Protein backbone atom coordinates (compact mmCIF):
# COMPACT_ATOMS: atom_id res chain seq x y z
CA UNK A 1 112.55 69.45 80.80
CA UNK A 2 112.70 65.76 81.76
CA UNK A 3 110.58 64.86 84.75
CA UNK A 4 111.95 62.04 86.89
CA UNK A 5 110.57 60.33 90.00
CA UNK A 6 112.81 61.07 93.01
CA UNK A 7 114.40 57.89 94.46
CA UNK A 8 117.64 56.98 96.01
CA UNK A 9 118.88 55.62 92.67
CA UNK A 10 117.88 58.70 90.62
CA UNK A 11 119.37 61.03 93.27
CA UNK A 12 122.66 59.23 93.33
CA UNK A 13 122.76 59.21 89.52
CA UNK A 14 122.25 62.96 89.42
CA UNK A 15 124.80 63.55 92.14
CA UNK A 16 127.33 61.53 90.17
CA UNK A 17 126.47 63.43 87.04
CA UNK A 18 126.86 66.82 88.64
CA UNK A 19 130.25 65.94 90.10
CA UNK A 20 131.64 65.32 86.57
CA UNK A 21 131.58 69.06 86.12
CA UNK A 22 134.15 69.66 88.88
CA UNK A 23 137.44 71.34 87.93
CA UNK A 24 139.10 68.39 89.59
CA UNK A 25 138.06 66.30 86.64
CA UNK A 26 140.04 68.32 84.02
CA UNK A 27 143.54 66.90 84.73
CA UNK A 28 144.34 66.85 81.02
CA UNK A 29 144.94 70.69 81.25
CA UNK A 30 147.11 70.55 84.35
CA UNK A 31 150.46 70.11 82.53
CA UNK A 32 149.75 73.14 80.32
CA UNK A 33 148.82 75.20 83.37
CA UNK A 34 151.86 74.07 85.35
CA UNK A 35 154.14 74.96 82.36
CA UNK A 36 152.66 78.47 82.31
CA UNK A 37 153.16 78.93 86.04
CA UNK A 38 156.79 77.71 85.88
CA UNK A 39 157.53 80.03 83.03
CA UNK A 40 156.11 83.01 84.88
CA UNK A 41 158.06 82.04 88.11
CA UNK A 42 161.37 82.04 86.19
CA UNK A 43 160.86 84.57 83.31
CA UNK A 44 158.35 86.87 85.15
CA UNK A 45 157.30 89.81 82.97
CA UNK A 46 158.84 88.36 79.83
CA UNK A 47 156.56 85.18 80.11
CA UNK A 48 153.52 87.27 80.94
CA UNK A 49 154.07 89.39 77.85
CA UNK A 50 154.63 86.28 75.67
CA UNK A 51 151.45 84.56 76.88
CA UNK A 52 149.34 87.71 76.45
CA UNK A 53 150.52 88.02 72.84
CA UNK A 54 149.77 84.34 72.23
CA UNK A 55 146.36 84.13 73.86
CA UNK A 56 144.97 87.69 73.81
CA UNK A 57 146.74 88.91 70.63
CA UNK A 58 147.95 92.11 72.34
CA UNK A 59 151.60 93.20 72.63
CA UNK A 60 151.84 93.85 76.36
CA UNK A 61 154.84 95.68 77.80
CA UNK A 62 155.94 97.32 81.01
CA UNK A 63 154.73 100.57 79.63
CA UNK A 64 151.08 99.54 78.89
CA UNK A 65 150.37 96.70 81.39
CA UNK A 66 148.72 98.98 83.95
CA UNK A 67 145.39 100.60 83.37
CA UNK A 68 145.68 104.36 83.47
CA UNK A 69 143.39 106.98 85.03
CA UNK A 70 142.63 108.18 81.50
CA UNK A 71 141.36 104.75 80.51
CA UNK A 72 139.14 104.55 83.56
CA UNK A 73 137.73 108.01 82.75
CA UNK A 74 137.10 106.86 79.14
CA UNK A 75 135.27 103.83 80.50
CA UNK A 76 132.76 105.98 82.27
CA UNK A 77 131.90 107.76 79.01
CA UNK A 78 131.09 104.42 77.40
CA UNK A 79 128.52 103.36 80.01
CA UNK A 80 124.96 104.55 80.32
CA UNK A 81 124.58 107.01 83.24
CA UNK A 82 121.63 104.94 84.64
CA UNK A 83 123.86 101.83 84.66
CA UNK A 84 126.61 103.64 86.46
CA UNK A 85 124.16 104.71 89.17
CA UNK A 86 122.92 101.09 89.49
CA UNK A 87 126.47 99.83 89.94
CA UNK A 88 127.02 102.48 92.67
CA UNK A 89 123.83 101.51 94.43
CA UNK A 90 124.67 97.84 94.18
CA UNK A 91 128.15 98.54 95.64
CA UNK A 92 126.62 100.36 98.55
CA UNK A 93 124.24 97.46 99.28
CA UNK A 94 127.14 94.91 99.21
CA UNK A 95 129.20 97.32 101.47
CA UNK A 96 126.39 97.64 103.98
CA UNK A 97 125.74 93.87 104.13
CA UNK A 98 129.44 92.99 104.58
CA UNK A 99 130.01 95.69 107.14
CA UNK A 100 127.67 93.67 109.46
CA UNK A 101 130.20 90.85 109.28
CA UNK A 102 133.07 92.79 110.72
CA UNK A 103 134.60 91.38 113.93
CA UNK A 104 136.90 93.08 116.49
CA UNK A 105 139.90 91.73 118.31
CA UNK A 106 139.02 90.54 121.79
CA UNK A 107 140.87 89.99 125.09
CA UNK A 108 139.76 88.09 128.16
CA UNK A 109 141.71 89.04 131.30
CA UNK A 110 141.32 87.23 134.61
CA UNK A 111 142.25 88.22 138.15
CA UNK A 112 144.92 85.40 138.33
CA UNK A 113 147.03 87.14 135.65
CA UNK A 114 145.98 85.16 132.54
CA UNK A 115 145.13 87.11 129.34
CA UNK A 116 143.72 85.23 126.39
CA UNK A 117 142.48 86.74 123.19
CA UNK A 118 142.21 86.94 119.48
CA UNK A 119 143.84 89.60 117.30
CA UNK A 120 142.04 90.33 114.00
CA UNK A 121 144.30 91.64 111.20
CA UNK A 122 143.31 92.40 107.56
CA UNK A 123 145.27 90.59 104.90
CA UNK A 124 147.80 93.09 103.48
CA UNK A 125 147.55 92.46 99.70
CA UNK A 126 144.82 90.77 97.77
CA UNK A 127 144.73 90.02 94.06
CA UNK A 128 141.35 89.84 92.29
CA UNK A 129 141.00 88.03 89.00
CA UNK A 130 138.27 89.21 86.56
CA UNK A 131 137.45 87.45 83.28
CA UNK A 132 137.42 89.40 80.06
CA UNK A 133 135.62 89.37 76.75
CA UNK A 134 132.04 87.95 76.76
CA UNK A 135 132.53 86.61 80.29
CA UNK A 136 133.16 90.06 81.84
CA UNK A 137 130.83 90.57 84.76
CA UNK A 138 131.09 93.94 86.60
CA UNK A 139 128.93 92.45 89.39
CA UNK A 140 131.71 89.98 90.22
CA UNK A 141 134.13 92.87 90.55
CA UNK A 142 132.02 94.32 93.30
CA UNK A 143 131.51 91.08 95.08
CA UNK A 144 135.29 90.44 95.24
CA UNK A 145 136.61 93.90 95.99
CA UNK A 146 134.01 95.46 98.27
CA UNK A 147 134.30 92.81 101.08
CA UNK A 148 138.07 93.14 100.87
CA UNK A 149 137.86 96.83 101.35
CA UNK A 150 135.34 96.50 104.18
CA UNK A 151 137.79 94.07 105.87
CA UNK A 152 140.51 96.77 105.66
CA UNK A 153 142.80 95.13 103.05
CA UNK A 154 145.66 97.57 102.43
CA UNK A 155 146.09 96.95 98.73
CA UNK A 156 143.68 95.34 96.23
CA UNK A 157 145.07 94.70 92.75
CA UNK A 158 143.04 93.41 89.87
CA UNK A 159 144.10 91.51 86.74
CA UNK A 160 141.84 91.16 83.71
CA UNK A 161 142.70 90.18 80.12
CA UNK A 162 142.83 92.95 77.42
CA UNK A 163 141.19 92.69 74.03
CA UNK A 164 143.37 92.58 70.85
CA UNK A 165 143.18 96.43 70.95
CA UNK A 166 144.59 96.52 74.44
CA UNK A 167 141.28 97.73 75.91
CA UNK A 168 139.53 96.40 79.00
CA UNK A 169 135.81 96.00 79.30
CA UNK A 170 134.46 99.43 80.32
CA UNK A 171 131.95 97.93 82.78
CA UNK A 172 134.79 96.07 84.56
CA UNK A 173 136.79 99.28 84.88
CA UNK A 174 133.89 101.36 86.17
CA UNK A 175 132.99 98.69 88.76
CA UNK A 176 136.59 98.44 89.83
CA UNK A 177 136.86 102.16 90.33
CA UNK A 178 133.60 102.33 92.28
CA UNK A 179 134.66 99.43 94.44
CA UNK A 180 137.99 100.97 95.26
CA UNK A 181 140.55 98.79 93.43
CA UNK A 182 144.08 100.24 93.87
CA UNK A 183 145.72 99.01 90.66
CA UNK A 184 144.52 97.18 87.50
CA UNK A 185 146.73 95.13 85.25
CA UNK A 186 145.92 93.94 81.76
CA UNK A 187 146.72 90.30 82.23
CA UNK A 188 144.49 87.21 82.00
CA UNK A 189 144.54 83.47 82.21
CA UNK A 190 146.82 81.20 84.20
CA UNK A 191 149.73 83.64 83.67
CA UNK A 192 147.77 86.27 85.67
CA UNK A 193 147.35 83.86 88.55
CA UNK A 194 151.00 82.92 88.51
CA UNK A 195 152.01 86.61 88.41
CA UNK A 196 149.87 87.38 91.40
CA UNK A 197 151.08 84.39 93.26
CA UNK A 198 154.84 84.85 92.72
CA UNK A 199 155.24 88.46 91.57
CA UNK A 200 156.92 89.91 88.49
CA UNK A 201 158.76 93.14 87.69
CA UNK A 202 155.39 94.80 87.02
CA UNK A 203 152.85 92.84 89.13
CA UNK A 204 153.32 92.64 92.95
CA UNK A 205 153.08 89.35 94.78
CA UNK A 206 149.83 89.16 96.82
CA UNK A 207 148.80 87.15 99.90
CA UNK A 208 145.46 85.94 98.50
CA UNK A 209 143.80 85.49 95.11
CA UNK A 210 140.06 85.62 94.62
CA UNK A 211 137.74 85.71 91.62
CA UNK A 212 136.24 83.39 88.90
CA UNK A 213 137.74 82.31 85.69
CA UNK A 214 137.82 79.52 83.06
CA UNK A 215 139.22 76.07 83.61
CA UNK A 216 142.81 77.26 83.20
CA UNK A 217 142.38 79.91 85.77
CA UNK A 218 140.70 77.49 88.19
CA UNK A 219 143.53 74.96 87.78
CA UNK A 220 146.13 77.71 88.25
CA UNK A 221 144.54 78.80 91.49
CA UNK A 222 144.57 75.21 92.64
CA UNK A 223 148.31 74.92 91.69
CA UNK A 224 149.43 78.03 93.52
CA UNK A 225 147.37 77.34 96.67
CA UNK A 226 149.84 77.15 99.58
CA UNK A 227 152.13 79.83 98.09
CA UNK A 228 149.17 82.11 98.47
CA UNK A 229 145.64 81.71 99.86
CA UNK A 230 142.65 81.46 97.44
CA UNK A 231 138.94 81.80 97.79
CA UNK A 232 137.84 78.53 96.13
CA UNK A 233 138.01 76.50 92.94
CA UNK A 234 134.79 77.55 91.32
CA UNK A 235 132.74 75.20 89.20
CA UNK A 236 129.87 75.80 86.80
CA UNK A 237 126.83 77.71 88.03
CA UNK A 238 123.87 75.83 89.49
CA UNK A 239 120.33 76.46 90.83
CA UNK A 240 117.94 74.25 92.66
CA UNK A 241 114.32 75.28 93.17
CA UNK A 242 112.42 73.60 95.99
CA UNK A 243 108.69 74.05 95.40
CA UNK A 244 105.21 72.78 96.32
CA UNK A 245 101.83 73.16 94.73
CA UNK A 246 101.63 76.83 95.68
CA UNK A 247 104.60 77.91 93.39
CA UNK A 248 103.97 79.84 90.24
CA UNK A 249 105.19 77.67 87.35
CA UNK A 250 106.14 80.64 85.18
CA UNK A 251 108.31 82.10 87.91
CA UNK A 252 109.97 78.69 88.62
CA UNK A 253 110.77 78.21 84.88
CA UNK A 254 112.22 81.71 84.49
CA UNK A 255 114.44 81.22 87.56
CA UNK A 256 115.70 77.87 86.39
CA UNK A 257 116.76 79.39 83.03
CA UNK A 258 118.48 82.34 84.77
CA UNK A 259 121.35 79.91 85.57
CA UNK A 260 121.06 77.51 82.59
CA UNK A 261 122.07 80.42 80.33
CA UNK A 262 125.53 80.76 81.93
CA UNK A 263 127.10 77.82 79.99
CA UNK A 264 126.47 74.23 78.80
CA UNK A 265 127.75 72.84 82.06
CA UNK A 266 125.39 74.87 84.25
CA UNK A 267 122.86 72.90 86.28
CA UNK A 268 119.13 73.73 86.77
CA UNK A 269 117.03 71.39 89.02
CA UNK A 270 113.48 71.62 90.30
CA UNK A 271 112.44 69.39 93.16
CA UNK A 272 108.67 69.39 93.83
CA UNK A 273 105.95 67.42 95.43
CA UNK A 274 103.46 68.51 92.83
CA UNK A 275 103.08 66.59 89.54
CA UNK A 276 100.90 69.40 88.20
CA UNK A 277 103.57 72.03 88.83
CA UNK A 278 106.27 69.80 87.35
CA UNK A 279 104.39 69.46 84.08
CA UNK A 280 103.47 73.13 83.86
CA UNK A 281 107.11 74.22 84.58
CA UNK A 282 108.37 71.89 81.84
CA UNK A 283 105.97 73.58 79.37
CA UNK A 284 107.00 77.08 80.51
CA UNK A 285 110.64 76.23 80.21
CA UNK A 286 110.14 75.28 76.60
CA UNK A 287 108.23 78.53 75.88
CA UNK A 288 110.92 80.69 77.42
CA UNK A 289 113.82 78.80 75.92
CA UNK A 290 112.45 79.35 72.37
CA UNK A 291 112.39 83.13 72.79
CA UNK A 292 115.53 83.78 74.88
CA UNK A 293 118.70 85.12 73.20
CA UNK A 294 121.04 82.34 74.63
CA UNK A 295 118.66 79.50 73.73
CA UNK A 296 121.38 77.23 72.26
CA UNK A 297 123.41 77.37 75.50
CA UNK A 298 120.20 76.97 77.63
CA UNK A 299 119.08 73.94 75.67
CA UNK A 300 122.45 72.18 76.01
CA UNK A 301 122.63 72.98 79.68
CA UNK A 302 119.08 71.60 80.22
CA UNK A 303 119.88 68.44 78.17
CA UNK A 304 123.05 67.80 80.12
CA UNK A 305 122.18 68.83 83.68
CA UNK A 306 118.53 69.96 83.80
CA UNK A 307 116.07 67.90 85.92
CA UNK A 308 112.62 68.10 87.36
CA UNK A 309 112.51 65.66 90.29
CA UNK A 310 109.06 64.59 91.51
CA UNK A 311 109.29 63.78 95.28
CA UNK A 312 106.68 61.81 97.28
CA UNK A 313 106.71 64.31 100.18
CA UNK A 314 108.44 67.50 101.25
CA UNK A 315 110.79 65.64 103.64
CA UNK A 316 112.18 63.62 100.79
CA UNK A 317 112.49 66.77 98.69
CA UNK A 318 114.41 68.61 101.40
CA UNK A 319 116.72 65.59 102.01
CA UNK A 320 117.57 65.60 98.28
CA UNK A 321 118.19 69.38 98.37
CA UNK A 322 120.55 68.95 101.26
CA UNK A 323 122.47 66.15 99.49
CA UNK A 324 122.77 68.10 96.23
CA UNK A 325 123.99 71.20 98.26
CA UNK A 326 123.33 73.66 95.42
CA UNK A 327 125.12 76.98 94.94
CA UNK A 328 121.70 78.77 94.70
CA UNK A 329 118.59 77.44 96.42
CA UNK A 330 115.26 79.02 95.86
CA UNK A 331 112.40 77.92 98.25
CA UNK A 332 108.99 78.46 96.83
CA UNK A 333 106.66 76.76 99.31
CA UNK A 334 103.63 77.69 101.31
CA UNK A 335 105.88 78.69 104.23
CA UNK A 336 109.40 79.19 102.87
CA UNK A 337 110.84 80.37 106.14
CA UNK A 338 109.78 77.16 107.94
CA UNK A 339 111.19 75.11 105.07
CA UNK A 340 114.43 77.05 105.25
CA UNK A 341 115.01 75.92 108.88
CA UNK A 342 115.44 72.31 107.60
CA UNK A 343 118.08 73.25 105.01
CA UNK A 344 121.61 72.42 106.01
CA UNK A 345 123.50 72.78 102.69
CA UNK A 346 123.22 75.71 100.26
CA UNK A 347 125.41 78.57 99.12
CA UNK A 348 122.62 81.15 99.07
CA UNK A 349 118.97 80.70 100.01
CA UNK A 350 116.25 82.74 98.35
CA UNK A 351 112.85 82.74 100.10
CA UNK A 352 109.51 83.46 98.43
CA UNK A 353 108.44 84.15 94.95
CA UNK A 354 109.86 87.72 94.85
CA UNK A 355 113.39 86.72 95.83
CA UNK A 356 114.62 85.32 92.52
CA UNK A 357 118.23 84.37 92.05
CA UNK A 358 119.36 87.45 89.99
CA UNK A 359 118.35 89.66 92.98
CA UNK A 360 121.37 88.09 94.75
CA UNK A 361 123.58 88.21 91.72
CA UNK A 362 123.32 91.95 91.22
CA UNK A 363 121.76 93.98 93.94
CA UNK A 364 120.56 92.74 97.33
CA UNK A 365 124.01 92.86 99.09
CA UNK A 366 124.91 89.27 100.06
CA UNK A 367 127.84 87.87 98.06
CA UNK A 368 127.21 86.02 94.92
CA UNK A 369 130.49 84.13 94.94
CA UNK A 370 129.25 80.86 96.27
CA UNK A 371 130.36 77.29 96.82
CA UNK A 372 129.56 74.95 93.83
CA UNK A 373 129.65 71.22 93.04
CA UNK A 374 128.29 70.26 96.42
CA UNK A 375 130.95 72.13 98.39
CA UNK A 376 128.20 74.09 100.22
CA UNK A 377 128.33 71.10 102.63
CA UNK A 378 131.56 72.63 104.06
CA UNK A 379 132.25 76.06 102.28
CA UNK A 380 130.61 79.44 102.70
CA UNK A 381 130.03 82.36 100.39
CA UNK A 382 132.88 84.85 100.08
CA UNK A 383 132.65 87.19 103.08
CA UNK A 384 134.77 89.60 105.22
CA UNK A 385 136.35 86.70 107.05
CA UNK A 386 138.01 85.67 103.73
CA UNK A 387 140.06 88.88 103.90
CA UNK A 388 141.20 88.75 107.53
CA UNK A 389 143.46 86.54 109.57
CA UNK A 390 143.45 85.78 113.29
CA UNK A 391 146.28 85.56 115.75
CA UNK A 392 145.85 83.88 119.18
CA UNK A 393 147.02 86.01 122.16
CA UNK A 394 148.30 84.30 125.34
CA UNK A 395 149.80 85.91 128.42
CA UNK A 396 150.24 84.36 131.85
CA UNK A 397 151.63 85.85 135.04
CA UNK A 398 154.18 83.87 137.08
CA UNK A 399 151.54 83.12 139.65
CA UNK A 400 149.05 81.82 137.05
CA UNK A 401 151.66 79.60 135.45
CA UNK A 402 152.81 78.28 138.85
CA UNK A 403 149.46 76.83 139.53
CA UNK A 404 149.40 74.67 136.38
CA UNK A 405 153.06 74.11 135.39
CA UNK A 406 153.19 70.51 136.66
CA UNK A 407 150.14 69.56 134.54
CA UNK A 408 151.75 71.00 131.43
CA UNK A 409 154.96 69.21 132.11
CA UNK A 410 153.10 65.94 132.60
CA UNK A 411 151.21 66.35 129.30
CA UNK A 412 154.44 67.15 127.38
CA UNK A 413 156.33 64.25 128.90
CA UNK A 414 153.50 61.88 128.05
CA UNK A 415 154.17 62.71 124.34
CA UNK A 416 157.87 62.29 124.75
CA UNK A 417 158.58 65.92 124.24
CA UNK A 418 160.93 66.58 127.16
CA UNK A 419 162.18 69.95 125.73
CA UNK A 420 158.61 71.16 125.89
CA UNK A 421 158.37 70.14 129.49
CA UNK A 422 161.78 71.69 130.26
CA UNK A 423 160.68 74.98 128.81
CA UNK A 424 158.08 75.22 131.53
CA UNK A 425 160.07 73.51 134.29
CA UNK A 426 163.12 75.92 134.17
CA UNK A 427 160.87 78.78 135.31
CA UNK A 428 160.27 77.12 138.61
CA UNK A 429 163.67 75.64 139.52
């Protein structure tokens, strides 16, 4: 891996480079996506069937669009029993973690007759998109569905593309069943997002869409936002390791490559104060890359977006980490918990040499659907709050309103909104 001295210039250059990977920079596909969405809005099932035949080579129909109980039972027979148990244990860890995020409605009543509060209500219907083929990740099924179920969502429907034989990835089906998905439809791509957003004869309209996908799925989610809510527009995966001279170079190298293997646009960055560590990590990265199964993807990822940044001191290293605002941040320093207190921007923070990134991807419990492309500066991981909505509660007695009505009328009249003022005034004529 290339080793670069950290400076304001190199940091800005890297930030500019990373932002090129944003889905916002793929406008050349927007017309195609918009055409698909419009077709599904007008032709509904007919358009969904046509696009599935075109892109997935499967003749979809009203009779075979929904995954059956028999297909789910068959999926269990295709997975190793030990893997099924791991998926169940992972789902339970995710459920336990997200249960701690639950909030209750609250009301604050005062003696003067005012009652203020917040009513918490689960979203009624949520659609979860799951990629198919080689990009099928059962872990992402759990991370989308379990928090929704914990939040109390009434109906969770899932869409995922079928293979040319009409089959769905067995791992996806087993994870969906364990997580508690209500209905699964064999639809992928932008047409699935459009179907969830607007509804068809077969697929119900939902209130929110979550889940990762390719650039067409990402752009479709962006296009339907406002008709429905979405989780985020996900970009390529990224990891940043913040390390000092105490870090194990072999661990650091392995962790960097855990994200570089996702795709050619993935980003893997080490920021360290130790030149010796930087050089050793670079050597270990080369060794690992030569023997790993996805070495072609890894090498392209490292060539495009892989960096080792050598910082003069830990303060500069932390400042750079906060500006990059990585999806995954590992802290491998002498006192990682102390370093963590100075981090403002990161999707998920992993502390210490035995908390490597895949622990969060698969098993620990916190959500692995995280903000990318620097959006950790203002976005959070998927959590229970993503599947609820809040309504403000206001109640005043006549006596309570009488004490303040002239102030409200004054405020309204200052804005020229005399009907607002009159709505209060008529109660005290």
